[in-house]
């Protein structure tokens, strides 16, 4: 054997299997709650859009219940709400991801609505986990939000876009750099 094998980065491979079916729409007829749109970009350290990232979200329904076996109130969860979505930035002129969902209710161990977010991107050996909080909520009532240094809290807050037919929130995810999104341990 001579020499070492060349270094490799992870991906881009998400569109091969993980995003084969559209999963951007978490709602269906009969879903309870206020329908919203969440969109944004995944940005690198130079504030450039990453064109092959994948974003996953999972959230409670409008009443604060997860349709998941680990939620003791799963039987109370809205059966018309998926609670999980996956979107990619591939093949988008602007490299945006978009989700059609509802504004979540308050989960019993929290005091404000939030959405769990997971990011996968080329070169990342481990996915990144964060939360999305809403600018039009009193996030200071959340213990998790308050655990973030005040000067970094804005990195996990989605801003309300004005003049849209459906309430729309912008949530850009900065993988690194001065405005790096606060990420949590899995």
N, C-alpha and C. Protein backbone atom coordinates (compact mmCIF):
# COMPACT_ATOMS: atom_id res chain seq x y z
N UNK A 1 0.84 -1.18 0.00
CA UNK A 1 0.00 0.00 0.00
C UNK A 1 0.88 1.24 0.00
N UNK A 2 0.52 2.14 -0.81
CA UNK A 2 1.29 3.37 -0.84
C UNK A 2 0.40 4.56 -0.54
N UNK A 3 0.80 5.33 0.44
CA UNK A 3 0.09 6.57 0.78
C UNK A 3 -1.24 6.34 1.47
N UNK A 4 -1.88 7.45 1.72
CA UNK A 4 -3.17 7.43 2.38
C UNK A 4 -4.27 7.68 1.36
N UNK A 5 -5.46 7.29 1.70
CA UNK A 5 -6.59 7.58 0.82
C UNK A 5 -6.92 9.07 0.95
N UNK A 6 -7.47 9.65 -0.12
CA UNK A 6 -7.78 11.09 -0.08
C UNK A 6 -8.87 11.38 0.94
N UNK A 7 -8.84 12.61 1.48
CA UNK A 7 -9.88 12.99 2.43
C UNK A 7 -11.19 13.17 1.69
N UNK A 8 -12.27 12.94 2.39
CA UNK A 8 -13.60 13.04 1.80
C UNK A 8 -14.48 13.85 2.73
N UNK A 9 -15.44 14.53 2.17
CA UNK A 9 -16.45 15.20 2.99
C UNK A 9 -17.71 14.36 2.97
N UNK A 10 -18.58 14.63 3.89
CA UNK A 10 -19.86 13.93 3.95
C UNK A 10 -20.81 14.61 2.99
N UNK A 11 -21.49 13.83 2.17
CA UNK A 11 -22.50 14.36 1.25
C UNK A 11 -21.86 15.01 0.04
N UNK A 12 -22.58 15.68 -0.82
CA UNK A 12 -24.03 15.82 -0.73
C UNK A 12 -24.74 14.53 -1.18
N UNK A 13 -25.58 14.00 -0.33
CA UNK A 13 -26.25 12.75 -0.66
C UNK A 13 -27.69 12.72 -0.20
N UNK A 14 -28.16 13.78 0.42
CA UNK A 14 -29.48 13.76 1.02
C UNK A 14 -30.59 13.51 0.01
N UNK A 15 -30.47 14.09 -1.17
CA UNK A 15 -31.54 13.94 -2.14
C UNK A 15 -31.65 12.53 -2.70
N UNK A 16 -30.66 11.70 -2.47
CA UNK A 16 -30.70 10.34 -3.00
C UNK A 16 -31.77 9.52 -2.29
N UNK A 17 -31.84 9.57 -0.98
CA UNK A 17 -32.80 8.75 -0.24
C UNK A 17 -33.64 9.53 0.77
N UNK A 18 -33.06 10.45 1.45
CA UNK A 18 -33.76 11.07 2.57
C UNK A 18 -34.87 12.03 2.17
N UNK A 19 -34.78 12.59 0.99
CA UNK A 19 -35.78 13.57 0.60
C UNK A 19 -36.51 13.14 -0.67
N UNK A 20 -36.72 11.84 -0.83
CA UNK A 20 -37.35 11.36 -2.06
C UNK A 20 -38.83 11.74 -2.15
N UNK A 21 -39.49 11.85 -1.03
CA UNK A 21 -40.90 12.24 -1.02
C UNK A 21 -41.04 13.62 -0.41
N UNK A 22 -41.89 14.47 -0.98
CA UNK A 22 -42.08 15.79 -0.38
C UNK A 22 -42.60 15.66 1.06
N UNK A 23 -41.93 16.32 1.98
CA UNK A 23 -42.32 16.26 3.38
C UNK A 23 -42.39 17.65 3.99
N UNK A 24 -42.57 18.65 3.13
CA UNK A 24 -42.60 20.03 3.61
C UNK A 24 -43.95 20.42 4.19
N UNK A 25 -44.99 19.64 3.90
CA UNK A 25 -46.33 19.96 4.34
C UNK A 25 -46.72 19.04 5.50
N UNK A 26 -46.87 19.60 6.69
CA UNK A 26 -47.20 18.82 7.88
C UNK A 26 -48.70 18.79 8.16
N UNK A 27 -49.46 19.56 7.38
CA UNK A 27 -50.89 19.68 7.65
C UNK A 27 -51.69 18.92 6.59
N UNK A 28 -52.92 18.60 6.95
CA UNK A 28 -53.86 17.96 6.03
C UNK A 28 -55.26 18.46 6.39
N UNK A 29 -56.26 18.15 5.59
CA UNK A 29 -57.61 18.60 5.95
C UNK A 29 -57.96 18.12 7.36
N UNK A 30 -58.49 19.02 8.14
CA UNK A 30 -58.87 18.70 9.51
C UNK A 30 -57.83 19.02 10.56
N UNK A 31 -56.63 19.44 10.15
CA UNK A 31 -55.61 19.79 11.13
C UNK A 31 -56.08 20.99 11.95
N UNK A 32 -55.96 20.87 13.25
CA UNK A 32 -56.34 21.96 14.17
C UNK A 32 -55.21 22.97 14.28
N UNK A 33 -55.54 24.21 14.55
CA UNK A 33 -54.53 25.23 14.81
C UNK A 33 -54.39 26.25 13.71
N UNK A 34 -53.53 27.22 13.97
CA UNK A 34 -53.27 28.29 13.02
C UNK A 34 -52.19 27.86 12.04
N UNK A 35 -52.55 27.82 10.77
CA UNK A 35 -51.59 27.43 9.76
C UNK A 35 -50.56 28.54 9.56
N UNK A 36 -49.30 28.13 9.43
CA UNK A 36 -48.20 29.07 9.23
C UNK A 36 -47.25 28.50 8.18
N UNK A 37 -46.39 29.35 7.69
CA UNK A 37 -45.30 28.96 6.80
C UNK A 37 -44.00 29.34 7.49
N UNK A 38 -43.03 28.44 7.44
CA UNK A 38 -41.68 28.73 7.93
C UNK A 38 -40.75 28.56 6.74
N UNK A 39 -39.91 29.55 6.51
CA UNK A 39 -38.93 29.41 5.43
C UNK A 39 -37.64 30.12 5.82
N UNK A 40 -36.60 29.77 5.13
CA UNK A 40 -35.31 30.39 5.40
C UNK A 40 -34.22 29.74 4.58
N UNK A 41 -33.01 30.08 4.92
CA UNK A 41 -31.84 29.52 4.26
C UNK A 41 -30.91 28.94 5.31
N UNK A 42 -30.09 28.00 4.88
CA UNK A 42 -29.00 27.50 5.70
C UNK A 42 -27.75 28.17 5.14
N UNK A 43 -27.03 28.90 6.01
CA UNK A 43 -25.93 29.75 5.57
C UNK A 43 -24.60 29.27 6.15
N UNK A 44 -23.54 29.41 5.35
CA UNK A 44 -22.20 29.03 5.82
C UNK A 44 -21.56 30.21 6.55
N UNK A 45 -20.30 30.06 6.93
CA UNK A 45 -19.59 31.08 7.69
C UNK A 45 -19.41 32.39 6.96
N UNK A 46 -19.52 32.37 5.62
CA UNK A 46 -19.42 33.59 4.82
C UNK A 46 -20.80 34.16 4.47
N UNK A 47 -21.83 33.66 5.16
CA UNK A 47 -23.21 34.07 4.94
C UNK A 47 -23.72 33.74 3.54
N UNK A 48 -23.14 32.70 2.95
CA UNK A 48 -23.59 32.23 1.64
C UNK A 48 -24.53 31.04 1.82
N UNK A 49 -25.60 30.98 1.02
CA UNK A 49 -26.54 29.86 1.14
C UNK A 49 -25.87 28.53 0.80
N UNK A 50 -26.16 27.54 1.61
CA UNK A 50 -25.70 26.18 1.34
C UNK A 50 -26.75 25.54 0.45
N UNK A 51 -26.33 25.09 -0.73
CA UNK A 51 -27.30 24.64 -1.73
C UNK A 51 -27.66 23.16 -1.64
N UNK A 52 -27.13 22.44 -0.66
CA UNK A 52 -27.49 21.03 -0.55
C UNK A 52 -27.69 20.60 0.89
N UNK A 53 -28.31 21.47 1.67
CA UNK A 53 -28.61 21.16 3.07
C UNK A 53 -30.00 20.52 3.18
N UNK A 54 -30.22 19.87 4.29
CA UNK A 54 -31.54 19.32 4.60
C UNK A 54 -31.91 19.76 6.01
N UNK A 55 -33.15 20.21 6.17
CA UNK A 55 -33.65 20.67 7.45
C UNK A 55 -34.83 19.78 7.84
N UNK A 56 -34.81 19.30 9.08
CA UNK A 56 -35.94 18.54 9.62
C UNK A 56 -36.54 19.35 10.75
N UNK A 57 -37.86 19.27 10.88
CA UNK A 57 -38.52 19.85 12.04
C UNK A 57 -39.45 18.79 12.65
N UNK A 58 -39.62 18.88 13.93
CA UNK A 58 -40.64 18.09 14.62
C UNK A 58 -41.18 18.95 15.73
N UNK A 59 -42.49 18.84 15.92
CA UNK A 59 -43.15 19.78 16.81
C UNK A 59 -44.42 19.19 17.38
N UNK A 60 -44.92 19.85 18.41
CA UNK A 60 -46.20 19.49 19.00
C UNK A 60 -47.33 20.02 18.14
N UNK A 61 -48.52 19.46 18.35
CA UNK A 61 -49.70 19.96 17.65
C UNK A 61 -50.18 21.25 18.31
N UNK A 62 -51.33 21.73 17.90
CA UNK A 62 -51.85 23.01 18.42
C UNK A 62 -52.17 22.97 19.90
N UNK A 63 -52.34 21.75 20.46
CA UNK A 63 -52.64 21.61 21.88
C UNK A 63 -51.42 21.24 22.72
N UNK A 64 -50.25 21.18 22.09
CA UNK A 64 -49.03 20.89 22.83
C UNK A 64 -48.71 19.41 22.98
N UNK A 65 -49.34 18.55 22.15
CA UNK A 65 -49.09 17.11 22.23
C UNK A 65 -48.33 16.63 21.00
N UNK A 66 -47.43 15.69 21.21
CA UNK A 66 -46.70 15.05 20.12
C UNK A 66 -47.40 13.74 19.77
N UNK A 67 -47.56 13.47 18.50
CA UNK A 67 -48.11 12.19 18.07
C UNK A 67 -46.95 11.19 17.99
N UNK A 68 -46.45 10.85 19.16
CA UNK A 68 -45.28 9.99 19.28
C UNK A 68 -45.43 9.13 20.53
N UNK A 69 -44.99 7.88 20.48
CA UNK A 69 -45.15 6.98 21.63
C UNK A 69 -44.51 7.48 22.93
N UNK A 70 -43.50 8.33 22.86
CA UNK A 70 -42.86 8.83 24.08
C UNK A 70 -43.64 9.95 24.76
N UNK A 71 -44.67 10.48 24.07
CA UNK A 71 -45.52 11.48 24.70
C UNK A 71 -46.64 10.75 25.43
N UNK A 72 -46.73 10.91 26.76
CA UNK A 72 -47.77 10.21 27.50
C UNK A 72 -49.19 10.62 27.07
N UNK A 73 -49.29 11.73 26.37
CA UNK A 73 -50.59 12.20 25.88
C UNK A 73 -50.79 11.95 24.39
N UNK A 74 -50.06 11.00 23.83
CA UNK A 74 -50.14 10.73 22.40
C UNK A 74 -51.57 10.51 21.93
N UNK A 75 -52.38 9.86 22.73
CA UNK A 75 -53.77 9.58 22.33
C UNK A 75 -54.59 10.86 22.18
N UNK A 76 -54.12 11.96 22.77
CA UNK A 76 -54.81 13.24 22.66
C UNK A 76 -54.32 14.07 21.47
N UNK A 77 -53.25 13.62 20.83
CA UNK A 77 -52.65 14.38 19.72
C UNK A 77 -53.58 14.42 18.52
N UNK A 78 -53.50 15.49 17.77
CA UNK A 78 -54.30 15.69 16.56
C UNK A 78 -53.91 14.63 15.52
N UNK A 79 -54.83 13.73 15.15
CA UNK A 79 -54.49 12.69 14.19
C UNK A 79 -54.30 13.21 12.77
N UNK A 80 -54.68 14.46 12.52
CA UNK A 80 -54.55 15.05 11.19
C UNK A 80 -53.27 15.87 11.02
N UNK A 81 -52.43 15.83 12.03
CA UNK A 81 -51.19 16.61 11.98
C UNK A 81 -50.00 15.68 12.07
N UNK A 82 -49.08 15.79 11.12
CA UNK A 82 -47.91 14.90 11.07
C UNK A 82 -46.89 15.19 12.15
N UNK A 83 -46.60 16.45 12.40
CA UNK A 83 -45.65 16.80 13.44
C UNK A 83 -44.19 16.66 13.05
N UNK A 84 -43.92 16.11 11.87
CA UNK A 84 -42.54 15.93 11.40
C UNK A 84 -42.48 16.34 9.95
N UNK A 85 -41.43 17.07 9.60
CA UNK A 85 -41.23 17.47 8.22
C UNK A 85 -39.76 17.48 7.86
N UNK A 86 -39.53 17.42 6.57
CA UNK A 86 -38.16 17.41 6.06
C UNK A 86 -38.15 18.21 4.76
N UNK A 87 -37.21 19.15 4.64
CA UNK A 87 -37.11 19.96 3.42
C UNK A 87 -35.64 20.13 3.07
N UNK A 88 -35.40 20.30 1.80
CA UNK A 88 -34.03 20.47 1.32
C UNK A 88 -33.87 21.82 0.64
N UNK A 89 -32.63 22.24 0.50
CA UNK A 89 -32.35 23.48 -0.20
C UNK A 89 -31.90 23.21 -1.63
N UNK A 90 -31.84 21.95 -2.02
CA UNK A 90 -31.41 21.56 -3.36
C UNK A 90 -32.47 21.96 -4.39
N UNK A 91 -32.01 22.34 -5.56
CA UNK A 91 -32.89 22.67 -6.68
C UNK A 91 -33.81 23.84 -6.41
N UNK A 92 -33.40 24.73 -5.58
CA UNK A 92 -34.17 25.94 -5.31
C UNK A 92 -33.32 27.11 -5.80
N UNK A 93 -33.92 27.98 -6.59
CA UNK A 93 -33.16 29.12 -7.11
C UNK A 93 -32.51 29.94 -6.00
N UNK A 94 -33.22 30.06 -4.89
CA UNK A 94 -32.72 30.88 -3.79
C UNK A 94 -32.15 30.04 -2.65
N UNK A 95 -32.12 28.72 -2.83
CA UNK A 95 -31.63 27.80 -1.80
C UNK A 95 -32.40 27.94 -0.49
N UNK A 96 -33.70 28.16 -0.58
CA UNK A 96 -34.58 28.25 0.59
C UNK A 96 -35.17 26.88 0.92
N UNK A 97 -35.47 26.68 2.17
CA UNK A 97 -36.32 25.57 2.58
C UNK A 97 -37.65 26.19 3.00
N UNK A 98 -38.73 25.43 2.92
CA UNK A 98 -40.05 25.91 3.28
C UNK A 98 -40.85 24.80 3.94
N UNK A 99 -41.58 25.14 5.00
CA UNK A 99 -42.50 24.21 5.65
C UNK A 99 -43.87 24.84 5.77
N UNK A 100 -44.92 24.06 5.50
CA UNK A 100 -46.30 24.45 5.74
C UNK A 100 -46.73 23.66 6.97
N UNK A 101 -46.99 24.35 8.05
CA UNK A 101 -47.26 23.69 9.32
C UNK A 101 -48.27 24.51 10.12
N UNK A 102 -48.33 24.30 11.40
CA UNK A 102 -49.17 25.08 12.29
C UNK A 102 -48.30 25.66 13.40
N UNK A 103 -48.80 26.69 14.02
CA UNK A 103 -48.09 27.20 15.19
C UNK A 103 -48.34 26.21 16.33
N UNK A 104 -47.26 25.69 16.92
CA UNK A 104 -47.44 24.66 17.95
C UNK A 104 -48.02 25.24 19.23
N UNK A 105 -48.69 24.36 19.97
CA UNK A 105 -49.16 24.73 21.29
C UNK A 105 -48.02 24.61 22.28
N UNK A 106 -48.28 25.00 23.49
CA UNK A 106 -47.27 24.94 24.55
C UNK A 106 -47.18 23.50 25.06
N UNK A 107 -45.98 22.95 25.06
CA UNK A 107 -45.73 21.61 25.58
C UNK A 107 -45.69 21.71 27.10
N UNK A 108 -46.15 20.69 27.78
CA UNK A 108 -46.31 20.74 29.24
C UNK A 108 -45.06 21.15 30.00
N UNK A 109 -43.86 20.78 29.53
CA UNK A 109 -42.65 21.12 30.28
C UNK A 109 -42.01 22.43 29.81
N UNK A 110 -42.67 23.17 28.95
CA UNK A 110 -42.19 24.46 28.46
C UNK A 110 -43.28 25.50 28.70
N UNK A 111 -42.96 26.75 28.47
CA UNK A 111 -43.93 27.81 28.68
C UNK A 111 -44.23 28.62 27.44
N UNK A 112 -43.55 28.30 26.34
CA UNK A 112 -43.78 29.01 25.09
C UNK A 112 -43.72 28.01 23.93
N UNK A 113 -44.39 28.33 22.82
CA UNK A 113 -44.30 27.44 21.66
C UNK A 113 -42.90 27.43 21.08
N UNK A 114 -42.48 26.27 20.57
CA UNK A 114 -41.19 26.15 19.90
C UNK A 114 -41.26 24.98 18.93
N UNK A 115 -40.32 24.94 18.01
CA UNK A 115 -40.19 23.84 17.06
C UNK A 115 -38.76 23.32 17.15
N UNK A 116 -38.61 22.02 17.21
CA UNK A 116 -37.28 21.39 17.18
C UNK A 116 -36.78 21.38 15.74
N UNK A 117 -35.50 21.68 15.55
CA UNK A 117 -34.92 21.76 14.21
C UNK A 117 -33.63 20.96 14.19
N UNK A 118 -33.44 20.20 13.13
CA UNK A 118 -32.20 19.45 12.92
C UNK A 118 -31.69 19.77 11.53
N UNK A 119 -30.38 20.03 11.41
CA UNK A 119 -29.78 20.42 10.14
C UNK A 119 -28.71 19.41 9.74
N UNK A 120 -28.76 19.01 8.47
CA UNK A 120 -27.75 18.15 7.87
C UNK A 120 -27.16 18.92 6.70
N UNK A 121 -25.85 18.85 6.53
CA UNK A 121 -25.22 19.54 5.40
C UNK A 121 -23.89 18.88 5.07
N UNK A 122 -23.45 19.14 3.87
CA UNK A 122 -22.17 18.62 3.38
C UNK A 122 -21.06 19.00 4.35
N UNK A 123 -20.21 18.05 4.65
CA UNK A 123 -19.07 18.31 5.51
C UNK A 123 -19.35 18.19 6.99
N UNK A 124 -20.61 18.06 7.36
CA UNK A 124 -20.97 17.93 8.78
C UNK A 124 -21.01 16.44 9.12
N UNK A 125 -20.13 16.01 9.99
CA UNK A 125 -20.12 14.61 10.38
C UNK A 125 -21.26 14.29 11.35
N UNK A 126 -21.72 15.28 12.08
CA UNK A 126 -22.82 15.13 13.02
C UNK A 126 -23.84 16.23 12.72
N UNK A 127 -25.11 15.86 12.70
CA UNK A 127 -26.15 16.86 12.45
C UNK A 127 -26.18 17.88 13.60
N UNK A 128 -26.78 19.01 13.34
CA UNK A 128 -26.88 20.08 14.34
C UNK A 128 -28.33 20.22 14.78
N UNK A 129 -28.54 20.34 16.09
CA UNK A 129 -29.88 20.49 16.67
C UNK A 129 -30.06 21.87 17.26
N UNK A 130 -31.21 22.45 16.99
CA UNK A 130 -31.54 23.74 17.59
C UNK A 130 -33.04 23.80 17.81
N UNK A 131 -33.50 24.93 18.24
CA UNK A 131 -34.93 25.19 18.39
C UNK A 131 -35.27 26.47 17.66
N UNK A 132 -36.51 26.54 17.20
CA UNK A 132 -37.05 27.74 16.59
C UNK A 132 -38.09 28.29 17.57
N UNK A 133 -37.87 29.52 17.99
CA UNK A 133 -38.84 30.24 18.81
C UNK A 133 -39.45 31.34 17.93
N UNK A 134 -40.59 31.85 18.32
CA UNK A 134 -41.32 32.83 17.52
C UNK A 134 -41.17 34.23 18.08
N UNK A 135 -40.90 35.19 17.19
CA UNK A 135 -40.67 36.58 17.62
C UNK A 135 -41.90 37.20 18.27
N UNK A 136 -43.08 36.68 17.95
CA UNK A 136 -44.30 37.27 18.51
C UNK A 136 -44.78 36.54 19.76
N UNK A 137 -43.89 35.84 20.43
CA UNK A 137 -44.19 35.17 21.70
C UNK A 137 -43.27 35.74 22.79
N UNK A 138 -43.65 35.57 24.04
CA UNK A 138 -42.83 36.02 25.16
C UNK A 138 -41.84 34.91 25.51
N UNK A 139 -40.78 34.79 24.74
CA UNK A 139 -39.81 33.70 24.89
C UNK A 139 -39.07 33.73 26.21
N UNK A 140 -39.08 34.85 26.89
CA UNK A 140 -38.37 34.94 28.17
C UNK A 140 -39.01 34.05 29.24
N UNK A 141 -40.17 33.48 28.96
CA UNK A 141 -40.81 32.55 29.89
C UNK A 141 -40.29 31.12 29.75
N UNK A 142 -39.38 30.90 28.81
CA UNK A 142 -38.83 29.57 28.56
C UNK A 142 -37.49 29.40 29.27
N UNK A 143 -37.37 28.34 30.05
CA UNK A 143 -36.09 28.05 30.72
C UNK A 143 -34.99 27.74 29.71
N UNK A 144 -35.32 27.02 28.64
CA UNK A 144 -34.32 26.70 27.62
C UNK A 144 -33.86 27.98 26.92
N UNK A 145 -34.81 28.82 26.52
CA UNK A 145 -34.46 30.08 25.87
C UNK A 145 -33.60 30.93 26.79
N UNK A 146 -33.94 30.99 28.07
CA UNK A 146 -33.17 31.79 29.03
C UNK A 146 -31.78 31.21 29.31
N UNK A 147 -31.56 29.94 28.98
CA UNK A 147 -30.23 29.35 29.16
C UNK A 147 -29.25 29.81 28.08
N UNK A 148 -29.75 30.44 27.04
CA UNK A 148 -28.93 30.96 25.96
C UNK A 148 -28.46 32.36 26.35
N UNK A 149 -27.17 32.67 26.17
CA UNK A 149 -26.72 34.04 26.48
C UNK A 149 -27.57 35.07 25.73
N UNK A 150 -27.97 36.14 26.40
CA UNK A 150 -28.86 37.13 25.78
C UNK A 150 -28.38 37.64 24.42
N UNK A 151 -27.08 37.80 24.25
CA UNK A 151 -26.58 38.31 22.97
C UNK A 151 -26.68 37.29 21.84
N UNK A 152 -27.02 36.04 22.16
CA UNK A 152 -27.14 34.98 21.14
C UNK A 152 -28.58 34.52 20.94
N UNK A 153 -29.50 34.99 21.77
CA UNK A 153 -30.88 34.52 21.71
C UNK A 153 -31.54 34.78 20.36
N UNK A 154 -31.18 35.87 19.71
CA UNK A 154 -31.80 36.19 18.42
C UNK A 154 -31.54 35.12 17.37
N UNK A 155 -30.52 34.29 17.55
CA UNK A 155 -30.18 33.28 16.54
C UNK A 155 -31.17 32.12 16.52
N UNK A 156 -32.05 32.03 17.51
CA UNK A 156 -33.04 30.95 17.53
C UNK A 156 -34.47 31.49 17.42
N UNK A 157 -34.61 32.74 17.02
CA UNK A 157 -35.93 33.37 16.92
C UNK A 157 -36.29 33.60 15.45
N UNK A 158 -37.45 33.07 15.06
CA UNK A 158 -37.97 33.28 13.71
C UNK A 158 -38.75 34.59 13.69
N UNK A 159 -38.48 35.41 12.69
CA UNK A 159 -39.15 36.70 12.59
C UNK A 159 -40.40 36.59 11.72
N UNK A 160 -41.41 37.34 12.09
CA UNK A 160 -42.67 37.35 11.35
C UNK A 160 -42.52 38.24 10.12
N UNK A 161 -42.84 37.68 8.96
CA UNK A 161 -42.78 38.43 7.71
C UNK A 161 -44.08 39.20 7.57
N UNK A 162 -43.99 40.48 7.25
CA UNK A 162 -45.19 41.32 7.17
C UNK A 162 -45.90 41.14 5.82
N UNK A 163 -47.20 41.41 5.84
CA UNK A 163 -48.03 41.44 4.65
C UNK A 163 -48.06 40.12 3.88
N UNK A 164 -48.31 39.03 4.58
CA UNK A 164 -48.48 37.74 3.91
C UNK A 164 -49.88 37.21 4.22
N UNK A 165 -50.48 36.50 3.29
CA UNK A 165 -51.83 35.97 3.48
C UNK A 165 -51.87 34.96 4.61
N UNK A 166 -50.86 34.11 4.69
CA UNK A 166 -50.72 33.13 5.76
C UNK A 166 -49.57 33.60 6.64
N UNK A 167 -49.71 33.60 7.97
CA UNK A 167 -48.58 34.02 8.81
C UNK A 167 -47.31 33.26 8.40
N UNK A 168 -46.27 34.02 8.11
CA UNK A 168 -45.02 33.45 7.60
C UNK A 168 -43.87 33.91 8.48
N UNK A 169 -43.02 32.96 8.84
CA UNK A 169 -41.87 33.23 9.69
C UNK A 169 -40.59 32.91 8.92
N UNK A 170 -39.61 33.80 9.06
CA UNK A 170 -38.30 33.60 8.43
C UNK A 170 -37.34 33.11 9.50
N UNK A 171 -36.67 31.98 9.21
CA UNK A 171 -35.70 31.42 10.15
C UNK A 171 -34.47 30.97 9.37
N UNK A 172 -33.46 31.83 9.35
CA UNK A 172 -32.19 31.48 8.71
C UNK A 172 -31.31 30.77 9.73
N UNK A 173 -30.67 29.72 9.27
CA UNK A 173 -29.80 28.93 10.13
C UNK A 173 -28.36 29.16 9.70
N UNK A 174 -27.56 29.71 10.59
CA UNK A 174 -26.15 30.00 10.31
C UNK A 174 -25.32 28.87 10.91
N UNK A 175 -24.68 28.09 10.06
CA UNK A 175 -23.90 26.94 10.51
C UNK A 175 -22.65 27.38 11.28
N UNK A 176 -22.08 28.49 10.89
CA UNK A 176 -20.91 29.03 11.60
C UNK A 176 -20.80 30.52 11.31
N UNK A 177 -19.86 31.17 11.94
CA UNK A 177 -19.64 32.59 11.72
C UNK A 177 -20.12 33.43 12.89
N UNK A 178 -20.08 34.75 12.69
CA UNK A 178 -20.43 35.69 13.75
C UNK A 178 -21.85 35.50 14.28
N UNK A 179 -22.76 35.13 13.42
CA UNK A 179 -24.17 34.98 13.81
C UNK A 179 -24.56 33.51 13.89
N UNK A 180 -23.61 32.64 14.21
CA UNK A 180 -23.89 31.20 14.26
C UNK A 180 -25.10 30.92 15.13
N UNK A 181 -26.00 30.12 14.61
CA UNK A 181 -27.18 29.70 15.36
C UNK A 181 -26.73 28.92 16.58
N UNK A 182 -27.43 29.09 17.68
CA UNK A 182 -27.13 28.31 18.89
C UNK A 182 -27.61 26.88 18.63
N UNK A 183 -26.69 25.92 18.79
CA UNK A 183 -27.03 24.52 18.61
C UNK A 183 -26.93 23.83 19.97
N UNK A 184 -27.76 22.81 20.14
CA UNK A 184 -27.84 22.07 21.40
C UNK A 184 -27.29 20.67 21.22
N UNK A 185 -26.80 20.08 22.28
CA UNK A 185 -26.35 18.68 22.24
C UNK A 185 -27.56 17.80 22.03
N UNK A 186 -27.38 16.71 21.24
CA UNK A 186 -28.52 15.82 20.99
C UNK A 186 -28.96 15.10 22.26
